[in-house]
PDB file of N, CA and C in Angstrom:
ATOM      1  N   UNK A   1       4.186   0.397 -20.117  1.00  0.00           N
ATOM      2  CA  UNK A   1       4.486  -1.099 -20.298  1.00  0.00           C
ATOM      3  C   UNK A   1       5.790  -1.635 -19.533  1.00  0.00           C
ATOM      4  N   UNK A   2       6.864  -0.724 -19.897  1.00  0.00           N
ATOM      5  CA  UNK A   2       8.086  -0.837 -19.486  1.00  0.00           C
ATOM      6  C   UNK A   2       8.013  -1.209 -18.106  1.00  0.00           C
ATOM      7  N   UNK A   3       7.269  -0.356 -17.318  1.00  0.00           N
ATOM      8  CA  UNK A   3       7.166  -0.461 -15.742  1.00  0.00           C
ATOM      9  C   UNK A   3       6.376  -1.640 -15.397  1.00  0.00           C
ATOM     10  N   UNK A   4       5.382  -2.297 -16.100  1.00  0.00           N
ATOM     11  CA  UNK A   4       4.976  -3.289 -15.702  1.00  0.00           C
ATOM     12  C   UNK A   4       5.700  -4.596 -16.042  1.00  0.00           C
ATOM     13  N   UNK A   5       6.388  -4.626 -17.211  1.00  0.00           N
ATOM     14  CA  UNK A   5       7.267  -5.875 -17.410  1.00  0.00           C
ATOM     15  C   UNK A   5       8.441  -5.680 -16.444  1.00  0.00           C
ATOM     16  N   UNK A   6       8.918  -4.724 -15.975  1.00  0.00           N
ATOM     17  CA  UNK A   6      10.148  -4.716 -15.007  1.00  0.00           C
ATOM     18  C   UNK A   6       9.420  -5.305 -13.837  1.00  0.00           C
ATOM     19  N   UNK A   7       8.404  -4.688 -13.364  1.00  0.00           N
ATOM     20  CA  UNK A   7       7.659  -5.350 -12.057  1.00  0.00           C
ATOM     21  C   UNK A   7       7.466  -7.065 -12.310  1.00  0.00           C
ATOM     22  N   UNK A   8       7.005  -7.346 -13.330  1.00  0.00           N
ATOM     23  CA  UNK A   8       6.946  -8.736 -13.548  1.00  0.00           C
ATOM     24  C   UNK A   8       8.069  -9.575 -13.261  1.00  0.00           C
ATOM     25  N   UNK A   9       9.080  -8.895 -14.080  1.00  0.00           N
ATOM     26  CA  UNK A   9      10.235  -9.775 -14.192  1.00  0.00           C
ATOM     27  C   UNK A   9      10.999  -9.673 -12.811  1.00  0.00           C
ATOM     28  N   UNK A  10      10.967  -8.753 -12.070  1.00  0.00           N
ATOM     29  CA  UNK A  10      11.139  -8.623 -10.593  1.00  0.00           C
ATOM     30  C   UNK A  10      10.625  -9.754  -9.393  1.00  0.00           C
ATOM     31  N   UNK A  11       9.335  -9.766 -10.035  1.00  0.00           N
ATOM     32  CA  UNK A  11       8.787 -10.692  -8.921  1.00  0.00           C
ATOM     33  C   UNK A  11       9.123 -12.096  -9.457  1.00  0.00           C
ATOM     34  N   UNK A  12       9.345 -12.384 -10.826  1.00  0.00           N
ATOM     35  CA  UNK A  12       9.772 -13.705 -10.798  1.00  0.00           C
ATOM     36  C   UNK A  12      10.936 -14.052 -10.364  1.00  0.00           C
ATOM     37  N   UNK A  13      12.015 -12.856 -10.674  1.00  0.00           N
ATOM     38  CA  UNK A  13      13.415 -13.246 -10.261  1.00  0.00           C
ATOM     39  C   UNK A  13      13.333 -13.475  -8.571  1.00  0.00           C
ATOM     40  N   UNK A  14      12.613 -12.615  -7.943  1.00  0.00           N
ATOM     41  CA  UNK A  14      12.680 -12.826  -6.536  1.00  0.00           C
ATOM     42  C   UNK A  14      12.066 -14.054  -6.181  1.00  0.00           C
ATOM     43  N   UNK A  15      11.267 -14.739  -6.697  1.00  0.00           N
ATOM     44  CA  UNK A  15      10.763 -15.943  -6.406  1.00  0.00           C
ATOM     45  C   UNK A  15      11.840 -17.119  -6.386  1.00  0.00           C
ATOM     46  N   UNK A  16      12.632 -17.051  -7.321  1.00  0.00           N
ATOM     47  CA  UNK A  16      14.042 -17.799  -7.403  1.00  0.00           C
ATOM     48  C   UNK A  16      14.722 -17.538  -6.323  1.00  0.00           C
ATOM     49  N   UNK A  17      15.087 -16.118  -6.149  1.00  0.00           N
ATOM     50  CA  UNK A  17      16.052 -15.917  -4.898  1.00  0.00           C
ATOM     51  C   UNK A  17      15.774 -16.117  -3.673  1.00  0.00           C
ATOM     52  N   UNK A  18      14.259 -15.771  -3.335  1.00  0.00           N
ATOM     53  CA  UNK A  18      13.946 -16.610  -2.320  1.00  0.00           C
ATOM     54  C   UNK A  18      13.950 -18.131  -1.957  1.00  0.00           C
ATOM     55  N   UNK A  19      13.696 -18.918  -3.187  1.00  0.00           N
ATOM     56  CA  UNK A  19      13.976 -20.361  -2.845  1.00  0.00           C
ATOM     57  C   UNK A  19      15.420 -20.737  -2.697  1.00  0.00           C
ATOM     58  N   UNK A  20      16.186 -19.871  -3.599  1.00  0.00           N
ATOM     59  CA  UNK A  20      17.396 -19.800  -3.093  1.00  0.00           C
ATOM     60  C   UNK A  20      18.184 -19.775  -1.777  1.00  0.00           C
ATOM     61  N   UNK A  21      17.589 -18.561  -1.165  1.00  0.00           N
ATOM     62  CA  UNK A  21      18.285 -18.062  -0.095  1.00  0.00           C
ATOM     63  C   UNK A  21      17.341 -19.160   1.112  1.00  0.00           C
ATOM     64  N   UNK A  22      16.363 -19.177   1.003  1.00  0.00           N
ATOM     65  CA  UNK A  22      15.355 -19.991   2.206  1.00  0.00           C
ATOM     66  C   UNK A  22      14.755 -21.334   1.939  1.00  0.00           C
ATOM     67  N   UNK A  23      14.911 -21.910   0.500  1.00  0.00           N
ATOM     68  CA  UNK A  23      14.309 -23.379   0.337  1.00  0.00           C
ATOM     69  C   UNK A  23      15.079 -24.236   1.395  1.00  0.00           C
ATOM     70  N   UNK A  24      16.456 -24.355   1.509  1.00  0.00           N
ATOM     71  CA  UNK A  24      17.078 -25.044   2.134  1.00  0.00           C
ATOM     72  C   UNK A  24      16.708 -25.458   3.550  1.00  0.00           C
ATOM     73  N   UNK A  25      16.380 -24.261   4.190  1.00  0.00           N
ATOM     74  CA  UNK A  25      15.762 -24.422   5.724  1.00  0.00           C
ATOM     75  C   UNK A  25      14.903 -25.620   5.764  1.00  0.00           C
ATOM     76  N   UNK A  26      14.073 -25.894   4.807  1.00  0.00           N
ATOM     77  CA  UNK A  26      13.064 -27.044   4.913  1.00  0.00           C
ATOM     78  C   UNK A  26      13.846 -28.576   4.752  1.00  0.00           C
ATOM     79  N   UNK A  27      15.159 -28.381   4.612  1.00  0.00           N
ATOM     80  CA  UNK A  27      15.948 -29.479   4.375  1.00  0.00           C
ATOM     81  C   UNK A  27      17.306 -29.591   5.335  1.00  0.00           C
ATOM     82  N   UNK A  28      16.778 -29.717   6.586  1.00  0.00           N
ATOM     83  CA  UNK A  28      17.651 -30.019   7.654  1.00  0.00           C
ATOM     84  C   UNK A  28      18.984 -31.110   7.551  1.00  0.00           C
ATOM     85  N   UNK A  29      18.526 -31.868   6.790  1.00  0.00           N
ATOM     86  CA  UNK A  29      19.346 -33.274   6.724  1.00  0.00           C
ATOM     87  C   UNK A  29      20.301 -33.113   5.241  1.00  0.00           C
ATOM     88  N   UNK A  30      20.089 -31.918   4.564  1.00  0.00           N
ATOM     89  CA  UNK A  30      21.210 -31.653   3.830  1.00  0.00           C
ATOM     90  C   UNK A  30      22.348 -31.315   4.169  1.00  0.00           C
ATOM     91  N   UNK A  31      23.684 -31.767   3.634  1.00  0.00           N
ATOM     92  CA  UNK A  31      24.871 -31.248   3.871  1.00  0.00           C
ATOM     93  C   UNK A  31      25.225 -29.625   3.571  1.00  0.00           C
ATOM     94  N   UNK A  32      25.650 -28.826   4.253  1.00  0.00           N
ATOM     95  CA  UNK A  32      26.017 -27.329   4.030  1.00  0.00           C
ATOM     96  C   UNK A  32      26.500 -27.205   2.428  1.00  0.00           C
ATOM     97  N   UNK A  33      27.359 -28.046   2.233  1.00  0.00           N
ATOM     98  CA  UNK A  33      28.021 -27.724   0.618  1.00  0.00           C
ATOM     99  C   UNK A  33      26.702 -28.224  -0.218  1.00  0.00           C
ATOM    100  N   UNK A  34      25.951 -29.083  -0.098  1.00  0.00           N
ATOM    101  CA  UNK A  34      24.922 -29.316  -0.910  1.00  0.00           C
ATOM    102  C   UNK A  34      23.962 -28.310  -0.821  1.00  0.00           C
ATOM    103  N   UNK A  35      23.489 -27.877   0.173  1.00  0.00           N
ATOM    104  CA  UNK A  35      22.698 -26.463   0.206  1.00  0.00           C
ATOM    105  C   UNK A  35      23.112 -25.327  -0.671  1.00  0.00           C
ATOM    106  N   UNK A  36      24.256 -25.201  -0.666  1.00  0.00           N
ATOM    107  CA  UNK A  36      25.048 -24.249  -0.804  1.00  0.00           C
ATOM    108  C   UNK A  36      25.050 -24.657  -2.845  1.00  0.00           C
ATOM    109  N   UNK A  37      25.335 -25.589  -2.985  1.00  0.00           N
ATOM    110  CA  UNK A  37      25.306 -25.844  -4.370  1.00  0.00           C
ATOM    111  C   UNK A  37      24.261 -25.583  -5.038  1.00  0.00           C
ATOM    112  N   UNK A  38      23.136 -26.307  -4.362  1.00  0.00           N
ATOM    113  CA  UNK A  38      21.771 -26.199  -4.756  1.00  0.00           C
ATOM    114  C   UNK A  38      21.159 -24.764  -4.891  1.00  0.00           C
ATOM    115  N   UNK A  39      21.568 -24.096  -3.879  1.00  0.00           N
ATOM    116  CA  UNK A  39      20.835 -22.706  -3.875  1.00  0.00           C
ATOM    117  C   UNK A  39      21.767 -21.986  -5.091  1.00  0.00           C
ATOM    118  N   UNK A  40      22.891 -22.133  -5.364  1.00  0.00           N
ATOM    119  CA  UNK A  40      23.648 -21.332  -6.496  1.00  0.00           C
ATOM    120  C   UNK A  40      22.920 -21.936  -7.767  1.00  0.00           C
ATOM    121  N   UNK A  41      22.423 -22.955  -7.910  1.00  0.00           N
ATOM    122  CA  UNK A  41      21.685 -23.688  -9.280  1.00  0.00           C
ATOM    123  C   UNK A  41      20.514 -22.854  -9.058  1.00  0.00           C
ATOM    124  N   UNK A  42      19.706 -22.521  -8.109  1.00  0.00           N
ATOM    125  CA  UNK A  42      18.413 -22.171  -8.238  1.00  0.00           C
ATOM    126  C   UNK A  42      18.532 -20.484  -8.365  1.00  0.00           C
ATOM    127  N   UNK A  43      19.600 -19.868  -7.718  1.00  0.00           N
ATOM    128  CA  UNK A  43      19.944 -18.729  -8.104  1.00  0.00           C
ATOM    129  C   UNK A  43      20.407 -18.185  -9.571  1.00  0.00           C
ATOM    130  N   UNK A  44      20.696 -19.093 -10.283  1.00  0.00           N
ATOM    131  CA  UNK A  44      20.959 -18.600 -11.564  1.00  0.00           C
ATOM    132  C   UNK A  44      19.733 -18.265 -12.511  1.00  0.00           C
ATOM    133  N   UNK A  45      18.780 -18.481 -12.260  1.00  0.00           N
ATOM    134  CA  UNK A  45      17.456 -18.369 -13.203  1.00  0.00           C
ATOM    135  C   UNK A  45      17.276 -16.690 -12.505  1.00  0.00           C
ATOM    136  N   UNK A  46      17.276 -16.689 -11.242  1.00  0.00           N
ATOM    137  CA  UNK A  46      17.129 -15.196 -10.933  1.00  0.00           C
ATOM    138  C   UNK A  46      17.902 -14.225 -11.561  1.00  0.00           C
ATOM    139  N   UNK A  47      19.087 -14.331 -11.543  1.00  0.00           N
ATOM    140  CA  UNK A  47      20.113 -13.346 -12.368  1.00  0.00           C
ATOM    141  C   UNK A  47      19.428 -13.206 -13.797  1.00  0.00           C
ATOM    142  N   UNK A  48      19.062 -14.245 -14.280  1.00  0.00           N
ATOM    143  CA  UNK A  48      18.611 -14.206 -15.832  1.00  0.00           C
ATOM    144  C   UNK A  48      17.204 -13.497 -15.731  1.00  0.00           C
ATOM    145  N   UNK A  49      16.904 -13.133 -14.825  1.00  0.00           N
ATOM    146  CA  UNK A  49      15.675 -12.396 -14.850  1.00  0.00           C
ATOM    147  C   UNK A  49      15.866 -11.073 -14.061  1.00  0.00           C
ATOM    148  N   UNK A  50      16.909 -10.940 -13.121  1.00  0.00           N
ATOM    149  CA  UNK A  50      16.951  -9.709 -12.602  1.00  0.00           C
ATOM    150  C   UNK A  50      17.633  -8.685 -13.536  1.00  0.00           C
ATOM    151  N   UNK A  51      18.828  -9.358 -14.161  1.00  0.00           N
ATOM    152  CA  UNK A  51      19.339  -8.305 -15.066  1.00  0.00           C
ATOM    153  C   UNK A  51      18.670  -7.519 -16.275  1.00  0.00           C
ATOM    154  N   UNK A  52      17.921  -8.473 -16.904  1.00  0.00           N
ATOM    155  CA  UNK A  52      16.869  -7.929 -17.766  1.00  0.00           C
ATOM    156  C   UNK A  52      15.697  -7.063 -17.088  1.00  0.00           C
ATOM    157  N   UNK A  53      15.309  -7.143 -15.855  1.00  0.00           N
ATOM    158  CA  UNK A  53      14.475  -6.370 -15.530  1.00  0.00           C
ATOM    159  C   UNK A  53      15.119  -4.970 -15.026  1.00  0.00           C
ATOM    160  N   UNK A  54      16.232  -5.056 -14.558  1.00  0.00           N
ATOM    161  CA  UNK A  54      17.069  -3.697 -14.462  1.00  0.00           C
ATOM    162  C   UNK A  54      17.328  -2.879 -15.839  1.00  0.00           C
ATOM    163  N   UNK A  55      17.911  -3.364 -16.850  1.00  0.00           N
ATOM    164  CA  UNK A  55      18.036  -2.973 -18.211  1.00  0.00           C
ATOM    165  C   UNK A  55      16.889  -2.486 -18.778  1.00  0.00           C
ATOM    166  N   UNK A  56      15.674  -3.165 -18.802  1.00  0.00           N
ATOM    167  CA  UNK A  56      14.257  -2.722 -19.090  1.00  0.00           C
ATOM    168  C   UNK A  56      13.884  -1.549 -18.199  1.00  0.00           C
ATOM    169  N   UNK A  57      14.106  -1.567 -16.922  1.00  0.00           N
ATOM    170  CA  UNK A  57      13.411  -0.480 -16.446  1.00  0.00           C
ATOM    171  C   UNK A  57      14.321   0.780 -15.973  1.00  0.00           C
ATOM    172  N   UNK A  58      15.598   0.580 -16.435  1.00  0.00           N
ATOM    173  CA  UNK A  58      16.355   1.932 -16.254  1.00  0.00           C
ATOM    174  C   UNK A  58      16.263   2.800 -17.204  1.00  0.00           C
ATOM    175  N   UNK A  59      16.378   4.347 -16.554  1.00  0.00           N
ATOM    176  CA  UNK A  59      16.335   5.236 -17.518  1.00  0.00           C
ATOM    177  C   UNK A  59      17.513   5.352 -18.552  1.00  0.00           C
ATOM    178  N   UNK A  60      18.524   4.888 -18.721  1.00  0.00           N
ATOM    179  CA  UNK A  60      19.492   4.857 -19.543  1.00  0.00           C
ATOM    180  C   UNK A  60      19.131   3.819 -20.743  1.00  0.00           C
ATOM    181  N   UNK A  61      18.074   3.114 -20.375  1.00  0.00           N
ATOM    182  CA  UNK A  61      17.755   1.983 -21.450  1.00  0.00           C
ATOM    183  C   UNK A  61      16.092   2.474 -21.768  1.00  0.00           C
ATOM    184  N   UNK A  62      15.800   3.209 -21.466  1.00  0.00           N
ATOM    185  CA  UNK A  62      14.667   3.919 -21.875  1.00  0.00           C
ATOM    186  C   UNK A  62      13.287   3.722 -21.409  1.00  0.00           C
ATOM    187  N   UNK A  63      13.977   3.069 -19.839  1.00  0.00           N
ATOM    188  CA  UNK A  63      12.691   2.607 -18.646  1.00  0.00           C
ATOM    189  C   UNK A  63      12.073   3.862 -17.982  1.00  0.00           C
ATOM    190  N   UNK A  64      11.373   3.785 -17.160  1.00  0.00           N
ATOM    191  CA  UNK A  64      11.012   4.692 -16.197  1.00  0.00           C
ATOM    192  C   UNK A  64      11.446   5.033 -14.807  1.00  0.00           C
ATOM    193  N   UNK A  65      12.476   4.144 -14.589  1.00  0.00           N
ATOM    194  CA  UNK A  65      13.086   4.265 -13.142  1.00  0.00           C
ATOM    195  C   UNK A  65      14.582   4.657 -12.907  1.00  0.00           C
ATOM    196  N   UNK A  66      14.976   5.361 -11.975  1.00  0.00           N
ATOM    197  CA  UNK A  66      16.416   5.398 -11.697  1.00  0.00           C
ATOM    198  C   UNK A  66      16.860   4.217 -10.868  1.00  0.00           C
ATOM    199  N   UNK A  67      18.360   4.165 -10.890  1.00  0.00           N
ATOM    200  CA  UNK A  67      18.517   3.032 -10.260  1.00  0.00           C
ATOM    201  C   UNK A  67      18.372   2.996  -8.667  1.00  0.00           C
ATOM    202  N   UNK A  68      18.321   3.916  -7.949  1.00  0.00           N
ATOM    203  CA  UNK A  68      17.960   3.969  -6.675  1.00  0.00           C
ATOM    204  C   UNK A  68      16.362   3.347  -6.645  1.00  0.00           C
ATOM    205  N   UNK A  69      15.464   3.891  -7.491  1.00  0.00           N
ATOM    206  CA  UNK A  69      14.000   3.459  -7.664  1.00  0.00           C
ATOM    207  C   UNK A  69      13.922   1.931  -7.852  1.00  0.00           C
ATOM    208  N   UNK A  70      14.609   1.522  -8.660  1.00  0.00           N
ATOM    209  CA  UNK A  70      14.653   0.203  -8.981  1.00  0.00           C
ATOM    210  C   UNK A  70      15.120  -0.770  -7.950  1.00  0.00           C
ATOM    211  N   UNK A  71      16.294  -0.301  -6.996  1.00  0.00           N
ATOM    212  CA  UNK A  71      16.685  -0.988  -6.018  1.00  0.00           C
ATOM    213  C   UNK A  71      15.379  -1.219  -4.783  1.00  0.00           C
ATOM    214  N   UNK A  72      14.749   0.074  -4.584  1.00  0.00           N
ATOM    215  CA  UNK A  72      13.869   0.349  -3.863  1.00  0.00           C
ATOM    216  C   UNK A  72      12.607  -0.694  -3.952  1.00  0.00           C
ATOM    217  N   UNK A  73      12.305  -0.794  -5.152  1.00  0.00           N
ATOM    218  CA  UNK A  73      11.007  -1.244  -5.783  1.00  0.00           C
ATOM    219  C   UNK A  73      11.417  -2.909  -5.478  1.00  0.00           C
ATOM    220  N   UNK A  74      12.524  -3.242  -5.947  1.00  0.00           N
ATOM    221  CA  UNK A  74      13.056  -4.706  -5.815  1.00  0.00           C
ATOM    222  C   UNK A  74      13.143  -5.110  -4.376  1.00  0.00           C
ATOM    223  N   UNK A  75      13.335  -4.414  -3.477  1.00  0.00           N
ATOM    224  CA  UNK A  75      13.557  -4.569  -1.964  1.00  0.00           C
ATOM    225  C   UNK A  75      11.827  -4.763  -1.470  1.00  0.00           C
ATOM    226  N   UNK A  76      11.296  -4.151  -2.124  1.00  0.00           N
ATOM    227  CA  UNK A  76       9.530  -4.271  -1.795  1.00  0.00           C
ATOM    228  C   UNK A  76       9.108  -5.421  -2.288  1.00  0.00           C
ATOM    229  N   UNK A  77       9.734  -5.797  -3.442  1.00  0.00           N
ATOM    230  CA  UNK A  77       9.150  -7.197  -4.025  1.00  0.00           C
ATOM    231  C   UNK A  77       9.560  -8.271  -3.108  1.00  0.00           C
ATOM    232  N   UNK A  78      10.890  -8.245  -2.726  1.00  0.00           N
ATOM    233  CA  UNK A  78      11.415  -9.299  -2.134  1.00  0.00           C
ATOM    234  C   UNK A  78      10.441  -9.527  -0.925  1.00  0.00           C
ATOM    235  N   UNK A  79      10.245  -8.536  -0.198  1.00  0.00           N
ATOM    236  CA  UNK A  79       9.282  -8.478   0.967  1.00  0.00           C
ATOM    237  C   UNK A  79       8.282  -9.506   0.836  1.00  0.00           C
ATOM    238  N   UNK A  80       7.539  -8.779   0.019  1.00  0.00           N
ATOM    239  CA  UNK A  80       6.139  -9.427  -0.451  1.00  0.00           C
ATOM    240  C   UNK A  80       6.290 -10.851  -0.844  1.00  0.00           C
ATOM    241  N   UNK A  81       7.400 -11.275  -1.895  1.00  0.00           N
ATOM    242  CA  UNK A  81       7.478 -12.436  -2.032  1.00  0.00           C
ATOM    243  C   UNK A  81       7.783 -13.329  -1.012  1.00  0.00           C
ATOM    244  N   UNK A  82       8.731 -12.835   0.056  1.00  0.00           N
ATOM    245  CA  UNK A  82       8.981 -13.526   1.373  1.00  0.00           C
ATOM    246  C   UNK A  82       7.910 -13.769   2.314  1.00  0.00           C
ATOM    247  N   UNK A  83       7.207 -12.761   2.485  1.00  0.00           N
ATOM    248  CA  UNK A  83       5.963 -13.048   3.294  1.00  0.00           C
ATOM    249  C   UNK A  83       5.230 -14.442   2.802  1.00  0.00           C
ATOM    250  N   UNK A  84       4.775 -14.148   1.801  1.00  0.00           N
ATOM    251  CA  UNK A  84       4.027 -15.748   1.030  1.00  0.00           C
ATOM    252  C   UNK A  84       4.940 -16.720   1.119  1.00  0.00           C
ATOM    253  N   UNK A  85       5.947 -16.592   0.779  1.00  0.00           N
ATOM    254  CA  UNK A  85       7.014 -18.024   1.164  1.00  0.00           C
ATOM    255  C   UNK A  85       7.244 -18.326   2.406  1.00  0.00           C
ATOM    256  N   UNK A  86       7.080 -17.637   3.426  1.00  0.00           N
ATOM    257  CA  UNK A  86       7.460 -17.768   4.788  1.00  0.00           C
ATOM    258  C   UNK A  86       6.164 -18.433   5.322  1.00  0.00           C
ATOM    259  N   UNK A  87       4.863 -18.132   5.010  1.00  0.00           N
ATOM    260  CA  UNK A  87       3.783 -18.588   5.446  1.00  0.00           C
ATOM    261  C   UNK A  87       3.442 -19.817   4.737  1.00  0.00           C
ATOM    262  N   UNK A  88       3.598 -20.131   3.242  1.00  0.00           N
ATOM    263  CA  UNK A  88       3.293 -21.359   2.677  1.00  0.00           C
ATOM    264  C   UNK A  88       4.320 -22.142   2.751  1.00  0.00           C
ATOM    265  N   UNK A  89       5.279 -22.234   2.671  1.00  0.00           N
ATOM    266  CA  UNK A  89       6.567 -22.832   2.683  1.00  0.00           C
ATOM    267  C   UNK A  89       7.031 -23.264   3.806  1.00  0.00           C
ATOM    268  N   UNK A  90       7.668 -22.319   4.720  1.00  0.00           N
ATOM    269  CA  UNK A  90       8.110 -22.272   5.633  1.00  0.00           C
ATOM    270  C   UNK A  90       7.088 -22.626   7.170  1.00  0.00           C
ATOM    271  N   UNK A  91       5.923 -22.231   6.870  1.00  0.00           N
ATOM    272  CA  UNK A  91       4.984 -22.427   7.834  1.00  0.00           C
ATOM    273  C   UNK A  91       5.406 -21.283   8.667  1.00  0.00           C
ATOM    274  N   UNK A  92       6.069 -20.169   8.743  1.00  0.00           N
ATOM    275  CA  UNK A  92       6.148 -19.056  10.086  1.00  0.00           C
ATOM    276  C   UNK A  92       5.521 -18.132   9.410  1.00  0.00           C
ATOM    277  N   UNK A  93       4.591 -17.700  10.267  1.00  0.00           N
ATOM    278  CA  UNK A  93       3.656 -16.236  10.262  1.00  0.00           C
ATOM    279  C   UNK A  93       4.549 -15.626  10.838  1.00  0.00           C
ATOM    280  N   UNK A  94       4.659 -14.223   9.959  1.00  0.00           N
ATOM    281  CA  UNK A  94       5.095 -13.035  10.443  1.00  0.00           C
ATOM    282  C   UNK A  94       4.550 -12.468  11.832  1.00  0.00           C
ATOM    283  N   UNK A  95       5.115 -11.831  12.697  1.00  0.00           N
ATOM    284  CA  UNK A  95       4.629 -11.393  13.744  1.00  0.00           C
ATOM    285  C   UNK A  95       3.899  -9.783  13.317  1.00  0.00           C
ATOM    286  N   UNK A  96       3.342  -9.337  14.509  1.00  0.00           N
ATOM    287  CA  UNK A  96       2.602  -8.147  14.192  1.00  0.00           C
ATOM    288  C   UNK A  96       3.854  -6.967  13.909  1.00  0.00           C
ATOM    289  N   UNK A  97       4.978  -6.992  14.682  1.00  0.00           N
ATOM    290  CA  UNK A  97       5.923  -6.061  14.705  1.00  0.00           C
ATOM    291  C   UNK A  97       6.680  -6.137  13.242  1.00  0.00           C
ATOM    292  N   UNK A  98       6.693  -7.395  12.695  1.00  0.00           N
ATOM    293  CA  UNK A  98       7.199  -7.737  11.419  1.00  0.00           C
ATOM    294  C   UNK A  98       6.556  -6.996  10.321  1.00  0.00           C
ATOM    295  N   UNK A  99       5.293  -7.274  10.341  1.00  0.00           N
ATOM    296  CA  UNK A  99       4.037  -6.524   9.384  1.00  0.00           C
ATOM    297  C   UNK A  99       4.284  -5.121   9.610  1.00  0.00           C
ATOM    298  N   UNK A 100       4.683  -4.353  10.687  1.00  0.00           N
ATOM    299  CA  UNK A 100       4.881  -2.984  11.019  1.00  0.00           C
ATOM    300  C   UNK A 100       5.942  -2.732  10.135  1.00  0.00           C
ATOM    301  N   UNK A 101       7.090  -3.550  10.467  1.00  0.00           N
ATOM    302  CA  UNK A 101       8.558  -3.026   9.526  1.00  0.00           C
ATOM    303  C   UNK A 101       8.081  -3.165   8.167  1.00  0.00           C
ATOM    304  N   UNK A 102       7.692  -4.176   7.656  1.00  0.00           N
ATOM    305  CA  UNK A 102       7.183  -4.193   6.307  1.00  0.00           C
ATOM    306  C   UNK A 102       6.413  -2.885   5.938  1.00  0.00           C
ATOM    307  N   UNK A 103       5.087  -2.514   6.609  1.00  0.00           N
ATOM    308  CA  UNK A 103       4.615  -1.455   6.073  1.00  0.00           C
ATOM    309  C   UNK A 103       5.520  -0.057   5.956  1.00  0.00           C
ATOM    310  N   UNK A 104       6.636   0.031   6.858  1.00  0.00           N
ATOM    311  CA  UNK A 104       7.525   1.285   7.127  1.00  0.00           C
ATOM    312  C   UNK A 104       8.403   1.221   5.770  1.00  0.00           C
ATOM    313  N   UNK A 105       8.784   0.021   5.518  1.00  0.00           N
ATOM    314  CA  UNK A 105       9.497  -0.155   4.226  1.00  0.00           C
ATOM    315  C   UNK A 105       8.759   0.214   2.783  1.00  0.00           C
ATOM    316  N   UNK A 106       7.546  -0.416   2.542  1.00  0.00           N
ATOM    317  CA  UNK A 106       6.507  -0.026   1.450  1.00  0.00           C
ATOM    318  C   UNK A 106       6.267   1.618   1.789  1.00  0.00           C
ATOM    319  N   UNK A 107       6.146   2.108   2.915  1.00  0.00           N
ATOM    320  CA  UNK A 107       5.941   3.507   2.868  1.00  0.00           C
ATOM    321  C   UNK A 107       7.122   4.359   2.278  1.00  0.00           C
ATOM    322  N   UNK A 108       8.511   3.693   2.414  1.00  0.00           N
ATOM    323  CA  UNK A 108       9.640   4.175   1.863  1.00  0.00           C
ATOM    324  C   UNK A 108       9.516   4.008   0.320  1.00  0.00           C
ATOM    325  N   UNK A 109       8.969   3.030  -0.214  1.00  0.00           N
ATOM    326  CA  UNK A 109       9.021   2.895  -1.784  1.00  0.00           C
ATOM    327  C   UNK A 109       8.230   3.837  -2.231  1.00  0.00           C
ATOM    328  N   UNK A 110       6.939   4.284  -1.395  1.00  0.00           N
ATOM    329  CA  UNK A 110       5.976   5.059  -2.132  1.00  0.00           C
ATOM    330  C   UNK A 110       6.749   6.563  -2.169  1.00  0.00           C
ATOM    331  N   UNK A 111       7.386   6.987  -1.097  1.00  0.00           N
ATOM    332  CA  UNK A 111       8.165   8.224  -1.148  1.00  0.00           C
ATOM    333  C   UNK A 111       9.327   8.083  -2.351  1.00  0.00           C
ATOM    334  N   UNK A 112       9.803   7.098  -2.410  1.00  0.00           N
ATOM    335  CA  UNK A 112      10.806   6.946  -3.663  1.00  0.00           C
ATOM    336  C   UNK A 112      10.213   7.197  -4.822  1.00  0.00           C
ATOM    337  N   UNK A 113       9.250   6.618  -4.942  1.00  0.00           N
ATOM    338  CA  UNK A 113       8.347   6.546  -6.423  1.00  0.00           C
ATOM    339  C   UNK A 113       7.630   7.947  -6.580  1.00  0.00           C
ATOM    340  N   UNK A 114       7.736   8.974  -5.796  1.00  0.00           N
ATOM    341  CA  UNK A 114       6.728  10.200  -5.720  1.00  0.00           C
ATOM    342  C   UNK A 114       7.430  11.003  -7.033  1.00  0.00           C
ATOM    343  N   UNK A 115       6.752  11.642  -7.901  1.00  0.00           N
ATOM    344  CA  UNK A 115       7.248  12.473  -8.701  1.00  0.00           C
ATOM    345  C   UNK A 115       8.080  11.643  -9.947  1.00  0.00           C
ATOM    346  N   UNK A 116       8.349  12.610 -10.768  1.00  0.00           N
ATOM    347  CA  UNK A 116       8.662  11.843 -11.975  1.00  0.00           C
ATOM    348  C   UNK A 116      10.290  11.478 -11.826  1.00  0.00           C
ATOM    349  N   UNK A 117      10.746  10.531 -12.434  1.00  0.00           N
ATOM    350  CA  UNK A 117      12.145  10.406 -12.325  1.00  0.00           C
ATOM    351  C   UNK A 117      12.985  11.375 -13.570  1.00  0.00           C
ATOM    352  N   UNK A 118      14.082  11.845 -13.300  1.00  0.00           N
ATOM    353  CA  UNK A 118      14.732  12.749 -14.278  1.00  0.00           C
ATOM    354  C   UNK A 118      14.803  11.932 -15.553  1.00  0.00           C
ATOM    355  N   UNK A 119      14.994  12.791 -16.396  1.00  0.00           N
ATOM    356  CA  UNK A 119      14.939  12.482 -17.816  1.00  0.00           C
ATOM    357  C   UNK A 119      16.642  12.027 -18.062  1.00  0.00           C
ATOM    358  N   UNK A 120      16.952  10.964 -18.775  1.00  0.00           N
ATOM    359  CA  UNK A 120      18.236  10.629 -18.764  1.00  0.00           C
ATOM    360  C   UNK A 120      18.867  11.223 -19.933  1.00  0.00           C
ATOM    361  N   UNK A 121      20.038  11.284 -19.914  1.00  0.00           N
ATOM    362  CA  UNK A 121      20.661  11.789 -21.161  1.00  0.00           C
ATOM    363  C   UNK A 121      20.952  10.605 -21.852  1.00  0.00           C
ATOM    364  N   UNK A 122      20.856  10.675 -23.302  1.00  0.00           N
ATOM    365  CA  UNK A 122      20.958   9.680 -24.232  1.00  0.00           C
ATOM    366  C   UNK A 122      22.203   8.971 -23.807  1.00  0.00           C
ATOM    367  N   UNK A 123      22.317   7.366 -24.056  1.00  0.00           N
ATOM    368  CA  UNK A 123      23.497   6.868 -23.796  1.00  0.00           C
ATOM    369  C   UNK A 123      24.665   7.091 -24.670  1.00  0.00           C
ATOM    370  N   UNK A 124      25.936   7.035 -24.444  1.00  0.00           N
ATOM    371  CA  UNK A 124      27.117   7.571 -25.050  1.00  0.00           C
ATOM    372  C   UNK A 124      27.420   6.338 -26.191  1.00  0.00           C
TER     373      UNK A 124
END
């Protein structure tokens, strides 16, 4: 259950992150300071979801993942969210070589998740 909750929180946080990082590309008329300010406001909920996801999912907090596994999982989720955002919002379809690159990254996620994570010592 902690693994699923971690993944769901990471998906939600990445939706905010993707909007913050790339949503302004649809608003070419915005001045750069406006784009930066609005991006920061959008990014705040991302942090409010990302931090609990990492705490919930990390071994030191009773979760199933090591820190490297959390990072690799987060990057894979970022790519999946970004592909949807790119197609739906930006109207940019990834090229075949982009999909190949995504597949290689996802293969890396699978390699990272193979086997059990080491059992963490109780927090001091």
